[in-house]
């Protein structure tokens, strides 16, 4: 049974605590002067944590400029948090539904197994709890299980699901769902899509077709092109962002499965390279484990600092 949701604008207790320790400065830093040798060690740790070359160099350069003011490991962690937050803050942009788009169409994208359907189910509950009317569209017509999973989320949250038979044209499902949402004055239409490898041209063309069909119904649709990323994929996530962004023009990211073995730094690398807004983080299967992205809290967790619940 799914857990009852916590208030949508407040992180669940311990949410960011689950992220702590993704980047741990070792005990050997204690008592050492912040010199070039130590900065090189720190840069290596940042790279190991999937922060990426460009972002790691920027962070180390920032710390180098502050070296005379950093006297111990605690101050180093605090300075590291500040540098990380500076990179992350520009992409910390929660999803806000405008008044002039009804329905507001959110298209969920991503490779296989990243958690698109689950993320949409959680978003449906989140926005419904805010008083919005929501509809789900099962445009993943390749897997019967995907439609069934979305229908379970719909039943659980009292949200209608538009679906067709397995093998149907995904663009047709999106078309019919938009028509239904428009007719019923639905605030938010969440469209699920099949997982597709980012380097498979035929699948990406199918995705572009969905976008074209929705665009004929509303030139601004889909209003949100949301890429769902599994944090555990590490640097491969950057390739996924690049390909999907080139295909459809991404407007937001969701990073899931941060409760697993993911080191968490890939989000910093993505922020540095692409500047695409990060909407949500997922650290577990429960509904409240999907939360709006908080740059300061995330930076603190990466730096190994305590984060208020």
Protein backbone atom coordinates (compact mmCIF):
# COMPACT_ATOMS: atom_id res chain seq x y z
CA UNK A 1 0.00 0.00 0.00
CA UNK A 2 1.28 3.44 -0.86
CA UNK A 3 2.04 5.83 1.93
CA UNK A 4 -0.02 8.94 2.54
CA UNK A 5 1.60 12.02 1.02
CA UNK A 6 3.34 14.63 3.10
CA UNK A 7 2.50 18.28 2.37
CA UNK A 8 3.64 18.88 -1.20
CA UNK A 9 5.79 21.92 -0.47
CA UNK A 10 7.69 20.36 2.41
CA UNK A 11 10.41 17.71 2.08
CA UNK A 12 9.57 14.43 3.76
CA UNK A 13 11.46 13.85 7.01
CA UNK A 14 14.92 12.58 6.18
CA UNK A 15 14.57 13.18 2.45
CA UNK A 16 17.83 15.06 2.04
CA UNK A 17 19.44 13.03 4.80
CA UNK A 18 19.27 10.14 2.33
CA UNK A 19 21.50 12.13 0.02
CA UNK A 20 24.22 12.81 2.57
CA UNK A 21 27.52 11.11 2.08
CA UNK A 22 27.40 10.97 -1.72
CA UNK A 23 30.64 12.95 -1.60
CA UNK A 24 32.60 12.33 1.58
CA UNK A 25 35.75 14.21 2.36
CA UNK A 26 38.00 11.67 4.10
CA UNK A 27 39.28 12.05 7.63
CA UNK A 28 42.80 12.72 6.34
CA UNK A 29 41.64 16.24 5.46
CA UNK A 30 41.43 17.11 9.14
CA UNK A 31 44.36 19.20 10.25
CA UNK A 32 45.79 19.59 6.77
CA UNK A 33 46.42 22.89 5.10
CA UNK A 34 44.48 23.54 1.94
CA UNK A 35 47.36 23.42 -0.51
CA UNK A 36 47.73 22.30 -4.12
CA UNK A 37 48.16 18.66 -3.15
CA UNK A 38 44.92 18.69 -1.19
CA UNK A 39 43.10 20.48 -3.99
CA UNK A 40 44.25 17.81 -6.43
CA UNK A 41 42.88 15.11 -4.10
CA UNK A 42 39.60 16.95 -3.83
CA UNK A 43 39.33 17.31 -7.61
CA UNK A 44 39.85 13.57 -7.97
CA UNK A 45 37.05 12.94 -5.46
CA UNK A 46 34.73 15.28 -7.34
CA UNK A 47 35.42 13.42 -10.58
CA UNK A 48 34.79 10.09 -8.87
CA UNK A 49 31.44 11.46 -7.68
CA UNK A 50 30.42 12.17 -11.32
CA UNK A 51 30.67 15.95 -10.92
CA UNK A 52 32.43 16.14 -14.29
CA UNK A 53 35.61 17.80 -15.49
CA UNK A 54 34.27 21.29 -16.18
CA UNK A 55 32.35 21.63 -12.92
CA UNK A 56 35.18 20.07 -10.86
CA UNK A 57 37.68 22.55 -12.24
CA UNK A 58 35.38 25.47 -11.49
CA UNK A 59 34.85 24.28 -7.92
CA UNK A 60 38.55 23.71 -7.27
CA UNK A 61 39.41 27.12 -8.73
CA UNK A 62 36.82 28.71 -6.43
CA UNK A 63 38.31 26.93 -3.40
CA UNK A 64 41.81 27.93 -4.44
CA UNK A 65 40.76 31.59 -4.33
CA UNK A 66 39.49 31.08 -0.77
CA UNK A 67 42.43 29.00 0.47
CA UNK A 68 43.67 31.54 3.00
CA UNK A 69 40.26 31.66 4.68
CA UNK A 70 39.85 27.86 4.91
CA UNK A 71 41.53 26.60 8.07
CA UNK A 72 40.01 23.15 8.67
CA UNK A 73 37.88 20.36 7.20
CA UNK A 74 34.61 21.89 8.43
CA UNK A 75 35.38 25.17 6.71
CA UNK A 76 36.36 23.26 3.59
CA UNK A 77 33.02 21.45 3.55
CA UNK A 78 31.20 24.74 4.01
CA UNK A 79 33.16 26.33 1.17
CA UNK A 80 32.54 23.28 -1.00
CA UNK A 81 28.80 23.50 -0.29
CA UNK A 82 28.84 27.16 -1.33
CA UNK A 83 30.65 26.39 -4.60
CA UNK A 84 28.28 23.53 -5.41
CA UNK A 85 25.24 25.67 -4.61
CA UNK A 86 26.51 28.42 -6.91
CA UNK A 87 26.53 25.94 -9.79
CA UNK A 88 23.17 24.41 -8.91
CA UNK A 89 21.09 27.43 -7.95
CA UNK A 90 20.50 28.67 -11.53
CA UNK A 91 18.76 25.39 -12.45
CA UNK A 92 16.64 25.10 -9.29
CA UNK A 93 13.36 26.05 -10.91
CA UNK A 94 10.20 24.31 -9.71
CA UNK A 95 7.50 23.49 -12.22
CA UNK A 96 4.72 26.08 -12.15
CA UNK A 97 1.56 25.69 -14.20
CA UNK A 98 0.66 28.92 -16.00
CA UNK A 99 -2.91 30.15 -16.02
CA UNK A 100 -3.08 30.52 -19.79
CA UNK A 101 -2.36 26.88 -20.71
CA UNK A 102 -5.28 24.51 -20.22
CA UNK A 103 -4.49 21.76 -20.45
CA UNK A 104 -0.83 22.19 -19.59
CA UNK A 105 0.83 19.23 -21.33
CA UNK A 106 3.81 17.51 -19.73
CA UNK A 107 5.60 14.92 -21.84
CA UNK A 108 7.78 12.48 -19.89
CA UNK A 109 10.85 11.20 -21.74
CA UNK A 110 13.75 8.91 -21.01
CA UNK A 111 15.49 5.63 -21.64
CA UNK A 112 14.21 2.29 -20.40
CA UNK A 113 13.89 1.74 -16.67
CA UNK A 114 14.48 5.26 -15.36
CA UNK A 115 11.10 5.50 -13.63
CA UNK A 116 8.99 7.62 -16.00
CA UNK A 117 5.67 5.97 -15.21
CA UNK A 118 6.24 6.04 -11.46
CA UNK A 119 7.33 9.67 -11.64
CA UNK A 120 4.15 10.61 -13.51
CA UNK A 121 2.03 8.78 -10.96
CA UNK A 122 3.67 10.75 -8.17
CA UNK A 123 3.27 14.01 -10.08
CA UNK A 124 -0.42 13.26 -10.64
CA UNK A 125 -0.95 12.90 -6.91
CA UNK A 126 1.19 15.94 -6.16
CA UNK A 127 -0.73 18.30 -8.44
CA UNK A 128 -4.11 16.87 -7.54
CA UNK A 129 -3.33 17.53 -3.87
CA UNK A 130 -2.75 21.16 -4.92
CA UNK A 131 -6.28 21.34 -6.27
CA UNK A 132 -5.43 20.82 -9.94
CA UNK A 133 -7.43 18.53 -12.22
CA UNK A 134 -5.16 15.94 -13.78
CA UNK A 135 -5.35 13.39 -16.60
CA UNK A 136 -2.84 10.69 -17.55
CA UNK A 137 -2.09 9.47 -21.07
CA UNK A 138 -0.60 6.00 -21.62
CA UNK A 139 1.45 6.68 -24.77
CA UNK A 140 3.85 3.86 -23.91
CA UNK A 141 2.00 1.40 -26.11
CA UNK A 142 4.86 -1.08 -26.42
CA UNK A 143 4.58 -2.48 -22.92
CA UNK A 144 1.19 -3.58 -21.62
CA UNK A 145 2.68 -3.43 -18.14
CA UNK A 146 3.34 0.29 -18.54
CA UNK A 147 -0.32 1.01 -19.26
CA UNK A 148 -1.40 -1.21 -16.37
CA UNK A 149 1.01 0.55 -14.03
CA UNK A 150 -0.28 3.97 -15.08
CA UNK A 151 -3.88 2.81 -14.63
CA UNK A 152 -3.05 1.67 -11.10
CA UNK A 153 -1.68 5.14 -10.33
CA UNK A 154 -4.82 6.63 -11.87
CA UNK A 155 -7.16 4.52 -9.79
CA UNK A 156 -5.17 5.17 -6.64
CA UNK A 157 -5.35 8.93 -7.09
CA UNK A 158 -8.75 9.24 -8.74
CA UNK A 159 -7.19 10.45 -12.00
CA UNK A 160 -8.56 9.37 -15.42
CA UNK A 161 -6.20 7.53 -17.78
CA UNK A 162 -6.51 7.66 -21.57
CA UNK A 163 -5.17 4.47 -23.16
CA UNK A 164 -5.44 2.36 -26.30
CA UNK A 165 -4.55 -1.20 -27.18
CA UNK A 166 -0.96 -2.38 -27.08
CA UNK A 167 0.82 -1.49 -30.30
CA UNK A 168 -1.33 1.56 -31.03
CA UNK A 169 0.28 4.71 -32.42
CA UNK A 170 1.64 6.65 -29.41
CA UNK A 171 0.98 9.95 -31.19
CA UNK A 172 -2.68 8.95 -31.59
CA UNK A 173 -2.93 8.28 -27.87
CA UNK A 174 -1.46 11.71 -27.14
CA UNK A 175 -3.89 13.29 -29.62
CA UNK A 176 -6.95 11.63 -28.08
CA UNK A 177 -5.77 12.42 -24.56
CA UNK A 178 -5.35 16.09 -25.40
CA UNK A 179 -8.85 16.21 -26.93
CA UNK A 180 -10.32 14.59 -23.82
CA UNK A 181 -8.42 16.90 -21.49
CA UNK A 182 -9.50 19.95 -23.48
CA UNK A 183 -13.13 18.88 -23.51
CA UNK A 184 -13.13 18.40 -19.74
CA UNK A 185 -11.14 21.59 -18.98
CA UNK A 186 -8.39 19.57 -17.30
CA UNK A 187 -5.54 21.62 -15.83
CA UNK A 188 -2.71 19.14 -16.40
CA UNK A 189 -2.21 16.34 -18.92
CA UNK A 190 0.68 14.00 -18.10
CA UNK A 191 1.82 11.96 -21.10
CA UNK A 192 3.85 8.79 -20.52
CA UNK A 193 6.09 7.57 -23.34
CA UNK A 194 7.97 4.36 -24.03
CA UNK A 195 11.53 4.08 -22.87
CA UNK A 196 13.86 4.51 -25.82
CA UNK A 197 17.59 4.43 -26.26
CA UNK A 198 18.79 7.95 -26.90
CA UNK A 199 20.91 6.79 -29.85
CA UNK A 200 18.12 4.95 -31.74
CA UNK A 201 17.06 7.28 -34.55
CA UNK A 202 13.78 5.52 -35.37
CA UNK A 203 12.59 5.78 -31.78
CA UNK A 204 13.59 9.41 -31.55
CA UNK A 205 11.64 10.11 -34.74
CA UNK A 206 8.57 8.58 -33.12
CA UNK A 207 9.05 10.92 -30.18
CA UNK A 208 9.27 13.89 -32.52
CA UNK A 209 5.98 12.78 -34.07
CA UNK A 210 4.26 12.93 -30.70
CA UNK A 211 5.59 16.46 -30.24
CA UNK A 212 4.40 17.48 -33.72
CA UNK A 213 0.91 16.09 -33.17
CA UNK A 214 0.53 17.89 -29.85
CA UNK A 215 1.91 21.05 -31.43
CA UNK A 216 -0.86 21.03 -34.03
CA UNK A 217 -3.42 21.01 -31.23
CA UNK A 218 -1.67 23.76 -29.28
CA UNK A 219 1.39 25.49 -30.75
CA UNK A 220 2.93 25.70 -27.27
CA UNK A 221 2.41 21.99 -26.47
CA UNK A 222 3.96 19.98 -25.05
CA UNK A 223 4.61 22.81 -22.63
CA UNK A 224 6.99 20.75 -20.51
CA UNK A 225 9.38 18.22 -22.06
CA UNK A 226 10.60 16.48 -18.95
CA UNK A 227 13.55 14.09 -19.15
CA UNK A 228 13.68 11.48 -16.37
CA UNK A 229 17.23 10.38 -15.51
CA UNK A 230 18.47 7.51 -13.37
CA UNK A 231 21.25 8.99 -11.20
CA UNK A 232 23.03 5.64 -11.25
CA UNK A 233 23.87 5.95 -14.95
CA UNK A 234 26.62 8.46 -14.12
CA UNK A 235 28.28 10.22 -17.02
CA UNK A 236 26.04 8.43 -19.55
CA UNK A 237 23.26 10.71 -18.32
CA UNK A 238 24.99 13.61 -20.08
CA UNK A 239 24.76 11.79 -23.41
CA UNK A 240 21.06 11.14 -22.80
CA UNK A 241 20.43 14.82 -22.05
CA UNK A 242 22.30 15.88 -25.18
CA UNK A 243 20.39 13.55 -27.52
CA UNK A 244 16.91 14.18 -26.12
CA UNK A 245 17.55 17.92 -25.97
CA UNK A 246 18.64 17.94 -29.61
CA UNK A 247 15.53 15.97 -30.60
CA UNK A 248 12.75 17.80 -28.76
CA UNK A 249 14.22 20.69 -26.76
CA UNK A 250 14.09 19.74 -23.09
CA UNK A 251 12.55 22.14 -20.59
CA UNK A 252 13.15 20.20 -17.37
CA UNK A 253 14.90 17.28 -15.67
CA UNK A 254 13.94 14.81 -12.97
CA UNK A 255 16.72 12.81 -11.34
CA UNK A 256 15.53 9.53 -9.80
CA UNK A 257 16.97 6.63 -7.80
CA UNK A 258 19.25 8.76 -5.65
CA UNK A 259 18.58 6.27 -2.85
CA UNK A 260 20.70 3.64 -4.59
CA UNK A 261 24.39 3.53 -5.39
CA UNK A 262 24.40 6.81 -7.32
CA UNK A 263 27.02 9.28 -6.19
CA UNK A 264 24.84 12.26 -7.01
CA UNK A 265 27.38 14.52 -8.66
CA UNK A 266 25.98 13.99 -12.16
CA UNK A 267 23.37 16.63 -11.43
CA UNK A 268 26.17 19.18 -10.94
CA UNK A 269 27.76 18.17 -14.24
CA UNK A 270 24.40 18.52 -16.01
CA UNK A 271 23.81 21.95 -14.48
CA UNK A 272 27.23 23.13 -15.61
CA UNK A 273 26.92 21.88 -19.16
CA UNK A 274 23.25 22.25 -20.12
CA UNK A 275 21.65 24.80 -17.78
CA UNK A 276 18.31 22.93 -18.06
CA UNK A 277 15.99 23.45 -15.07
CA UNK A 278 15.95 20.62 -12.52
CA UNK A 279 12.38 20.14 -11.37
CA UNK A 280 12.38 17.17 -9.00
CA UNK A 281 14.51 14.56 -7.23
CA UNK A 282 13.51 11.01 -6.41
CA UNK A 283 15.10 9.02 -3.61
CA UNK A 284 12.66 6.14 -3.20
CA UNK A 285 9.44 4.43 -4.18
CA UNK A 286 7.02 6.18 -1.82
CA UNK A 287 5.00 9.12 -3.09
CA UNK A 288 6.71 11.59 -0.79
CA UNK A 289 10.13 10.51 -2.08
CA UNK A 290 9.67 12.80 -5.08
CA UNK A 291 10.44 16.37 -4.03
CA UNK A 292 11.15 19.70 -5.65
CA UNK A 293 14.84 20.31 -6.21
CA UNK A 294 16.45 22.42 -3.47
CA UNK A 295 19.92 23.54 -4.61
CA UNK A 296 21.22 24.54 -1.17
CA UNK A 297 20.07 21.33 0.51
CA UNK A 298 21.43 19.19 -2.31
CA UNK A 299 24.81 20.97 -2.18
CA UNK A 300 24.97 20.45 1.57
CA UNK A 301 24.18 16.75 1.19
CA UNK A 302 26.90 16.30 -1.43
CA UNK A 303 29.41 18.09 0.79
CA UNK A 304 28.55 15.79 3.70
CA UNK A 305 26.93 18.49 5.83
CA UNK A 306 23.80 18.07 7.93
CA UNK A 307 20.61 19.05 6.17
CA UNK A 308 17.54 20.13 8.05
CA UNK A 309 14.54 17.84 7.54
